[in-house]
C-alpha atoms as a PDB file:
ATOM      1  CA  UNK A   1       0.000   0.000   0.000  1.00  0.00           C
ATOM      2  CA  UNK A   2       1.260   3.474  -0.877  1.00  0.00           C
ATOM      3  CA  UNK A   3       1.438   6.198   1.743  1.00  0.00           C
ATOM      4  CA  UNK A   4      -0.125   8.713  -0.670  1.00  0.00           C
ATOM      5  CA  UNK A   5      -2.079   8.716  -3.904  1.00  0.00           C
ATOM      6  CA  UNK A   6      -0.721   9.388  -7.378  1.00  0.00           C
ATOM      7  CA  UNK A   7      -2.807  12.550  -7.453  1.00  0.00           C
ATOM      8  CA  UNK A   8      -1.323  13.835  -4.197  1.00  0.00           C
ATOM      9  CA  UNK A   9       2.211  13.248  -5.458  1.00  0.00           C
ATOM     10  CA  UNK A  10       1.416  15.032  -8.722  1.00  0.00           C
ATOM     11  CA  UNK A  11      -0.095  17.957  -6.827  1.00  0.00           C
ATOM     12  CA  UNK A  12       3.157  18.177  -4.858  1.00  0.00           C
ATOM     13  CA  UNK A  13       5.147  18.418  -8.092  1.00  0.00           C
ATOM     14  CA  UNK A  14       5.876  14.820  -9.155  1.00  0.00           C
ATOM     15  CA  UNK A  15       5.689  14.249 -12.920  1.00  0.00           C
ATOM     16  CA  UNK A  16       5.733  11.362 -15.375  1.00  0.00           C
ATOM     17  CA  UNK A  17       3.604   8.306 -16.076  1.00  0.00           C
ATOM     18  CA  UNK A  18       1.599   6.566 -13.367  1.00  0.00           C
ATOM     19  CA  UNK A  19       4.313   3.907 -13.084  1.00  0.00           C
ATOM     20  CA  UNK A  20       7.036   6.534 -12.697  1.00  0.00           C
ATOM     21  CA  UNK A  21       5.120   8.493 -10.059  1.00  0.00           C
ATOM     22  CA  UNK A  22       4.325   5.259  -8.216  1.00  0.00           C
ATOM     23  CA  UNK A  23       8.042   4.419  -8.181  1.00  0.00           C
ATOM     24  CA  UNK A  24       8.875   7.782  -6.585  1.00  0.00           C
ATOM     25  CA  UNK A  25       6.129   7.237  -4.010  1.00  0.00           C
ATOM     26  CA  UNK A  26       7.678   3.860  -3.153  1.00  0.00           C
ATOM     27  CA  UNK A  27      11.102   5.478  -2.812  1.00  0.00           C
ATOM     28  CA  UNK A  28       9.594   8.136  -0.529  1.00  0.00           C
ATOM     29  CA  UNK A  29       7.906   5.476   1.583  1.00  0.00           C
ATOM     30  CA  UNK A  30      11.223   3.686   2.077  1.00  0.00           C
ATOM     31  CA  UNK A  31      12.836   6.951   3.228  1.00  0.00           C
ATOM     32  CA  UNK A  32       9.946   7.616   5.635  1.00  0.00           C
ATOM     33  CA  UNK A  33      10.112   4.108   7.112  1.00  0.00           C
ATOM     34  CA  UNK A  34      13.877   4.398   7.623  1.00  0.00           C
ATOM     35  CA  UNK A  35      13.569   7.836   9.212  1.00  0.00           C
ATOM     36  CA  UNK A  36      10.638   7.204  11.544  1.00  0.00           C
ATOM     37  CA  UNK A  37      11.232   3.494  12.246  1.00  0.00           C
ATOM     38  CA  UNK A  38       7.457   3.096  12.217  1.00  0.00           C
ATOM     39  CA  UNK A  39       4.841   1.153  10.257  1.00  0.00           C
ATOM     40  CA  UNK A  40       2.036   3.300   8.901  1.00  0.00           C
ATOM     41  CA  UNK A  41      -0.179   0.438   7.785  1.00  0.00           C
ATOM     42  CA  UNK A  42      -0.986  -2.930   9.395  1.00  0.00           C
ATOM     43  CA  UNK A  43       2.170  -5.042   9.108  1.00  0.00           C
ATOM     44  CA  UNK A  44       2.963  -8.544  10.367  1.00  0.00           C
ATOM     45  CA  UNK A  45       6.269  -8.498  12.237  1.00  0.00           C
ATOM     46  CA  UNK A  46       8.417 -10.472  14.629  1.00  0.00           C
ATOM     47  CA  UNK A  47       9.847  -8.095  17.223  1.00  0.00           C
ATOM     48  CA  UNK A  48      12.699  -8.931  19.599  1.00  0.00           C
ATOM     49  CA  UNK A  49      12.708  -6.685  22.681  1.00  0.00           C
ATOM     50  CA  UNK A  50      14.331  -6.542  26.114  1.00  0.00           C
ATOM     51  CA  UNK A  51      12.540  -7.683  29.251  1.00  0.00           C
ATOM     52  CA  UNK A  52      12.576  -4.746  31.655  1.00  0.00           C
ATOM     53  CA  UNK A  53      11.838  -4.335  35.348  1.00  0.00           C
ATOM     54  CA  UNK A  54       8.666  -6.036  36.502  1.00  0.00           C
ATOM     55  CA  UNK A  55       8.359  -7.975  33.246  1.00  0.00           C
ATOM     56  CA  UNK A  56       7.672  -4.887  31.130  1.00  0.00           C
ATOM     57  CA  UNK A  57       8.569  -5.326  27.452  1.00  0.00           C
ATOM     58  CA  UNK A  58       8.439  -2.045  25.522  1.00  0.00           C
ATOM     59  CA  UNK A  59       7.638  -2.657  21.851  1.00  0.00           C
ATOM     60  CA  UNK A  60       9.186  -0.396  19.180  1.00  0.00           C
ATOM     61  CA  UNK A  61       6.113  -0.209  16.931  1.00  0.00           C
ATOM     62  CA  UNK A  62       2.463   0.581  17.504  1.00  0.00           C
ATOM     63  CA  UNK A  63       0.969  -2.781  18.394  1.00  0.00           C
ATOM     64  CA  UNK A  64      -2.380  -3.881  16.963  1.00  0.00           C
ATOM     65  CA  UNK A  65      -2.515  -7.518  18.050  1.00  0.00           C
ATOM     66  CA  UNK A  66      -0.086 -10.074  19.487  1.00  0.00           C
ATOM     67  CA  UNK A  67      -0.304 -13.697  18.374  1.00  0.00           C
ATOM     68  CA  UNK A  68       2.630 -15.206  20.281  1.00  0.00           C
ATOM     69  CA  UNK A  69       5.264 -14.376  22.898  1.00  0.00           C
ATOM     70  CA  UNK A  70       8.298 -16.563  23.502  1.00  0.00           C
ATOM     71  CA  UNK A  71      11.597 -16.241  25.368  1.00  0.00           C
ATOM     72  CA  UNK A  72      14.765 -15.787  23.334  1.00  0.00           C
ATOM     73  CA  UNK A  73      17.164 -18.444  24.569  1.00  0.00           C
ATOM     74  CA  UNK A  74      20.826 -18.953  23.735  1.00  0.00           C
ATOM     75  CA  UNK A  75      20.280 -21.935  21.460  1.00  0.00           C
ATOM     76  CA  UNK A  76      16.905 -21.007  19.970  1.00  0.00           C
ATOM     77  CA  UNK A  77      13.557 -19.419  20.725  1.00  0.00           C
ATOM     78  CA  UNK A  78      11.741 -20.967  23.675  1.00  0.00           C
ATOM     79  CA  UNK A  79       8.153 -22.223  23.592  1.00  0.00           C
ATOM     80  CA  UNK A  80       5.290 -19.790  23.136  1.00  0.00           C
ATOM     81  CA  UNK A  81       3.645 -18.896  26.419  1.00  0.00           C
ATOM     82  CA  UNK A  82      -0.157 -18.812  26.784  1.00  0.00           C
ATOM     83  CA  UNK A  83      -1.961 -15.485  26.532  1.00  0.00           C
ATOM     84  CA  UNK A  84      -2.806 -15.744  30.242  1.00  0.00           C
ATOM     85  CA  UNK A  85       0.908 -15.176  30.962  1.00  0.00           C
ATOM     86  CA  UNK A  86       0.928 -11.626  29.600  1.00  0.00           C
ATOM     87  CA  UNK A  87      -1.235  -8.669  28.681  1.00  0.00           C
ATOM     88  CA  UNK A  88      -0.817  -6.244  25.808  1.00  0.00           C
ATOM     89  CA  UNK A  89      -1.242  -2.462  25.747  1.00  0.00           C
ATOM     90  CA  UNK A  90      -1.193  -0.199  22.680  1.00  0.00           C
ATOM     91  CA  UNK A  91      -0.531   3.484  22.081  1.00  0.00           C
ATOM     92  CA  UNK A  92      -3.685   3.405  19.945  1.00  0.00           C
ATOM     93  CA  UNK A  93      -5.408   3.888  23.309  1.00  0.00           C
ATOM     94  CA  UNK A  94      -4.755   7.364  24.719  1.00  0.00           C
ATOM     95  CA  UNK A  95      -2.432   7.182  27.713  1.00  0.00           C
ATOM     96  CA  UNK A  96      -1.155   3.682  26.988  1.00  0.00           C
ATOM     97  CA  UNK A  97       2.216   2.517  25.674  1.00  0.00           C
ATOM     98  CA  UNK A  98       3.059  -0.220  23.192  1.00  0.00           C
ATOM     99  CA  UNK A  99       4.120  -3.042  25.446  1.00  0.00           C
ATOM    100  CA  UNK A 100       3.761  -6.625  26.592  1.00  0.00           C
ATOM    101  CA  UNK A 101       3.408  -6.948  30.370  1.00  0.00           C
ATOM    102  CA  UNK A 102       4.618 -10.370  31.524  1.00  0.00           C
ATOM    103  CA  UNK A 103       2.617 -11.799  34.422  1.00  0.00           C
ATOM    104  CA  UNK A 104       5.393 -11.954  37.005  1.00  0.00           C
ATOM    105  CA  UNK A 105       2.871 -12.411  39.810  1.00  0.00           C
ATOM    106  CA  UNK A 106       0.803 -15.105  38.105  1.00  0.00           C
ATOM    107  CA  UNK A 107       0.996 -18.845  37.629  1.00  0.00           C
ATOM    108  CA  UNK A 108      -0.585 -21.674  35.699  1.00  0.00           C
ATOM    109  CA  UNK A 109      -0.751 -25.103  37.314  1.00  0.00           C
ATOM    110  CA  UNK A 110      -1.343 -26.645  33.887  1.00  0.00           C
ATOM    111  CA  UNK A 111       2.002 -25.413  32.500  1.00  0.00           C
ATOM    112  CA  UNK A 112       5.084 -27.375  33.561  1.00  0.00           C
ATOM    113  CA  UNK A 113       7.453 -25.080  35.444  1.00  0.00           C
ATOM    114  CA  UNK A 114       4.923 -22.271  35.928  1.00  0.00           C
ATOM    115  CA  UNK A 115       2.911 -23.911  38.721  1.00  0.00           C
ATOM    116  CA  UNK A 116       1.957 -21.898  41.801  1.00  0.00           C
ATOM    117  CA  UNK A 117       4.186 -24.120  43.969  1.00  0.00           C
ATOM    118  CA  UNK A 118       7.092 -23.743  41.521  1.00  0.00           C
ATOM    119  CA  UNK A 119       7.401 -19.953  41.492  1.00  0.00           C
ATOM    120  CA  UNK A 120       4.793 -19.302  38.809  1.00  0.00           C
ATOM    121  CA  UNK A 121       5.689 -17.469  35.616  1.00  0.00           C
ATOM    122  CA  UNK A 122       8.461 -15.474  37.299  1.00  0.00           C
ATOM    123  CA  UNK A 123      10.128 -18.670  38.490  1.00  0.00           C
ATOM    124  CA  UNK A 124       9.925 -20.159  35.007  1.00  0.00           C
ATOM    125  CA  UNK A 125      11.426 -17.056  33.385  1.00  0.00           C
ATOM    126  CA  UNK A 126      14.228 -16.986  35.948  1.00  0.00           C
ATOM    127  CA  UNK A 127      15.042 -20.615  35.170  1.00  0.00           C
ATOM    128  CA  UNK A 128      15.029 -19.833  31.458  1.00  0.00           C
ATOM    129  CA  UNK A 129      17.346 -16.891  32.087  1.00  0.00           C
ATOM    130  CA  UNK A 130      15.847 -15.088  29.083  1.00  0.00           C
ATOM    131  CA  UNK A 131      16.653 -11.375  28.875  1.00  0.00           C
ATOM    132  CA  UNK A 132      14.666 -10.870  25.674  1.00  0.00           C
ATOM    133  CA  UNK A 133      11.399 -12.041  24.171  1.00  0.00           C
ATOM    134  CA  UNK A 134      10.215 -12.451  20.616  1.00  0.00           C
ATOM    135  CA  UNK A 135       6.768 -10.983  20.033  1.00  0.00           C
ATOM    136  CA  UNK A 136       4.903 -11.941  16.861  1.00  0.00           C
ATOM    137  CA  UNK A 137       1.850 -10.027  15.766  1.00  0.00           C
ATOM    138  CA  UNK A 138       0.376  -7.169  13.798  1.00  0.00           C
ATOM    139  CA  UNK A 139       1.917  -3.718  14.186  1.00  0.00           C
ATOM    140  CA  UNK A 140       1.370  -0.274  12.696  1.00  0.00           C
ATOM    141  CA  UNK A 141      -1.380   2.271  12.218  1.00  0.00           C
ATOM    142  CA  UNK A 142      -4.822   1.236  11.027  1.00  0.00           C
ATOM    143  CA  UNK A 143      -4.632   3.964   8.369  1.00  0.00           C
ATOM    144  CA  UNK A 144      -1.861   6.251   7.124  1.00  0.00           C
ATOM    145  CA  UNK A 145      -1.990   9.536   9.118  1.00  0.00           C
ATOM    146  CA  UNK A 146      -2.697  12.677   7.102  1.00  0.00           C
ATOM    147  CA  UNK A 147       0.682  14.241   7.921  1.00  0.00           C
ATOM    148  CA  UNK A 148       2.430  11.104   6.699  1.00  0.00           C
ATOM    149  CA  UNK A 149       0.399  11.195   3.477  1.00  0.00           C
ATOM    150  CA  UNK A 150       1.426  14.812   2.946  1.00  0.00           C
ATOM    151  CA  UNK A 151       5.052  14.041   3.784  1.00  0.00           C
ATOM    152  CA  UNK A 152       5.114  11.150   1.306  1.00  0.00           C
ATOM    153  CA  UNK A 153       3.744  13.291  -1.538  1.00  0.00           C
ATOM    154  CA  UNK A 154       6.237  16.095  -0.861  1.00  0.00           C
ATOM    155  CA  UNK A 155       9.147  13.689  -0.527  1.00  0.00           C
ATOM    156  CA  UNK A 156       8.285  11.852  -3.752  1.00  0.00           C
ATOM    157  CA  UNK A 157       8.421  15.175  -5.625  1.00  0.00           C
ATOM    158  CA  UNK A 158      11.587  16.217  -3.810  1.00  0.00           C
ATOM    159  CA  UNK A 159      13.391  12.955  -4.610  1.00  0.00           C
ATOM    160  CA  UNK A 160      12.433  13.249  -8.262  1.00  0.00           C
ATOM    161  CA  UNK A 161      13.633  16.838  -8.526  1.00  0.00           C
ATOM    162  CA  UNK A 162      16.960  15.971  -6.891  1.00  0.00           C
ATOM    163  CA  UNK A 163      17.465  13.068  -9.283  1.00  0.00           C
ATOM    164  CA  UNK A 164      16.667  15.125 -12.381  1.00  0.00           C
ATOM    165  CA  UNK A 165      19.869  15.399 -14.419  1.00  0.00           C
ATOM    166  CA  UNK A 166      21.031  18.580 -16.080  1.00  0.00           C
ATOM    167  CA  UNK A 167      21.397  18.657 -19.847  1.00  0.00           C
ATOM    168  CA  UNK A 168      25.159  18.411 -19.406  1.00  0.00           C
ATOM    169  CA  UNK A 169      24.831  15.331 -17.215  1.00  0.00           C
ATOM    170  CA  UNK A 170      22.512  13.655 -19.684  1.00  0.00           C
ATOM    171  CA  UNK A 171      24.914  14.346 -22.565  1.00  0.00           C
ATOM    172  CA  UNK A 172      27.880  13.021 -20.605  1.00  0.00           C
ATOM    173  CA  UNK A 173      26.135   9.833 -19.470  1.00  0.00           C
ATOM    174  CA  UNK A 174      24.127   8.053 -22.143  1.00  0.00           C
ATOM    175  CA  UNK A 175      22.991   5.459 -19.591  1.00  0.00           C
ATOM    176  CA  UNK A 176      20.672   7.996 -17.914  1.00  0.00           C
ATOM    177  CA  UNK A 177      17.066   7.277 -18.775  1.00  0.00           C
ATOM    178  CA  UNK A 178      15.015  10.438 -19.078  1.00  0.00           C
ATOM    179  CA  UNK A 179      11.473  11.074 -20.177  1.00  0.00           C
ATOM    180  CA  UNK A 180      10.286  13.811 -22.555  1.00  0.00           C
ATOM    181  CA  UNK A 181      10.283  16.319 -19.678  1.00  0.00           C
ATOM    182  CA  UNK A 182      13.871  15.584 -18.723  1.00  0.00           C
ATOM    183  CA  UNK A 183      13.078  13.580 -15.602  1.00  0.00           C
ATOM    184  CA  UNK A 184      15.415  10.767 -14.617  1.00  0.00           C
ATOM    185  CA  UNK A 185      13.248   7.654 -14.414  1.00  0.00           C
ATOM    186  CA  UNK A 186      15.980   5.033 -13.993  1.00  0.00           C
ATOM    187  CA  UNK A 187      15.145   4.150 -10.402  1.00  0.00           C
ATOM    188  CA  UNK A 188      14.341   0.470 -10.844  1.00  0.00           C
ATOM    189  CA  UNK A 189      15.934  -1.899  -8.324  1.00  0.00           C
ATOM    190  CA  UNK A 190      18.014  -4.427 -10.282  1.00  0.00           C
ATOM    191  CA  UNK A 191      18.883  -6.529  -7.230  1.00  0.00           C
ATOM    192  CA  UNK A 192      17.107  -9.875  -7.547  1.00  0.00           C
ATOM    193  CA  UNK A 193      18.040 -10.942  -4.026  1.00  0.00           C
ATOM    194  CA  UNK A 194      15.431 -11.406  -1.328  1.00  0.00           C
ATOM    195  CA  UNK A 195      14.724  -8.457   0.936  1.00  0.00           C
ATOM    196  CA  UNK A 196      15.643  -8.840   4.592  1.00  0.00           C
ATOM    197  CA  UNK A 197      12.539  -6.992   5.767  1.00  0.00           C
ATOM    198  CA  UNK A 198      14.709  -4.782   7.965  1.00  0.00           C
ATOM    199  CA  UNK A 199      14.884  -1.034   7.338  1.00  0.00           C
ATOM    200  CA  UNK A 200      18.051   0.644   8.599  1.00  0.00           C
ATOM    201  CA  UNK A 201      17.448   3.854  10.563  1.00  0.00           C
ATOM    202  CA  UNK A 202      18.203   7.170   8.882  1.00  0.00           C
ATOM    203  CA  UNK A 203      19.053  10.553  10.417  1.00  0.00           C
ATOM    204  CA  UNK A 204      16.888  12.403   7.880  1.00  0.00           C
ATOM    205  CA  UNK A 205      14.607  11.859   4.914  1.00  0.00           C
ATOM    206  CA  UNK A 206      16.749  14.347   3.008  1.00  0.00           C
ATOM    207  CA  UNK A 207      14.103  17.069   3.249  1.00  0.00           C
ATOM    208  CA  UNK A 208      13.885  19.337   6.285  1.00  0.00           C
ATOM    209  CA  UNK A 209      10.245  20.100   5.454  1.00  0.00           C
ATOM    210  CA  UNK A 210       9.351  16.407   5.437  1.00  0.00           C
ATOM    211  CA  UNK A 211      11.405  15.798   8.582  1.00  0.00           C
ATOM    212  CA  UNK A 212       9.343  18.448  10.354  1.00  0.00           C
ATOM    213  CA  UNK A 213       6.061  16.861   9.268  1.00  0.00           C
ATOM    214  CA  UNK A 214       7.220  13.479  10.577  1.00  0.00           C
ATOM    215  CA  UNK A 215       8.724  14.697  13.853  1.00  0.00           C
ATOM    216  CA  UNK A 216       5.786  13.475  15.904  1.00  0.00           C
ATOM    217  CA  UNK A 217       6.127   9.929  14.561  1.00  0.00           C
ATOM    218  CA  UNK A 218       9.816   9.292  15.271  1.00  0.00           C
ATOM    219  CA  UNK A 219      10.661   6.057  17.023  1.00  0.00           C
ATOM    220  CA  UNK A 220      14.284   5.666  18.017  1.00  0.00           C
ATOM    221  CA  UNK A 221      14.041   2.371  19.905  1.00  0.00           C
ATOM    222  CA  UNK A 222      16.923  -0.080  19.601  1.00  0.00           C
ATOM    223  CA  UNK A 223      14.963  -3.338  19.436  1.00  0.00           C
ATOM    224  CA  UNK A 224      15.413  -5.679  16.494  1.00  0.00           C
ATOM    225  CA  UNK A 225      12.731  -5.817  13.807  1.00  0.00           C
ATOM    226  CA  UNK A 226      12.237  -8.533  11.230  1.00  0.00           C
ATOM    227  CA  UNK A 227       9.495  -9.233   8.697  1.00  0.00           C
ATOM    228  CA  UNK A 228       7.597 -12.503   9.071  1.00  0.00           C
END
């Protein structure tokens, strides 16, 4: 899903065919994701995060739903724990944070190692010695915020204008692909390798105007994110 429409990108100054404008929108989306470290549409992810004091696990994306939680052990991931062993909060609810709250004070006599007489969930986690958990679920915003839509349109136009070669550049480099309006449209990704699903953080989108629009959505957490 694009963060803005073709029409919005054109209104912001992007030119070319629908395919060319769509490519600039995709490039802008990638810049926005790298800068904000957020997901602005529902996205399935596996998130590895630290277990903090009291069993609090702060998640680095807006959480929509959690399907499984498991300890990260030295050899491999541990078994998924039942939903009764944790609760989930989301910043979608005013005043809440995106987090998994492990039930340190609870127990489950039907789960080996987590029985009430065996220290409950806290005792089990201490025996595991896990300092991190893997949380699998759906993250992101239900819909792209208006400021993000505007930022994407502006950035798509800005990226295109910065990539537009001068007449001298075009004459010197015959490999540049330009349309009838002089716009560089050679932005196809020729790498056939599989994507890792991880977006490296960026200090800026390259546009101070877009950075300002996105300031309220920055997430500079250090947890590990992977697509699933």
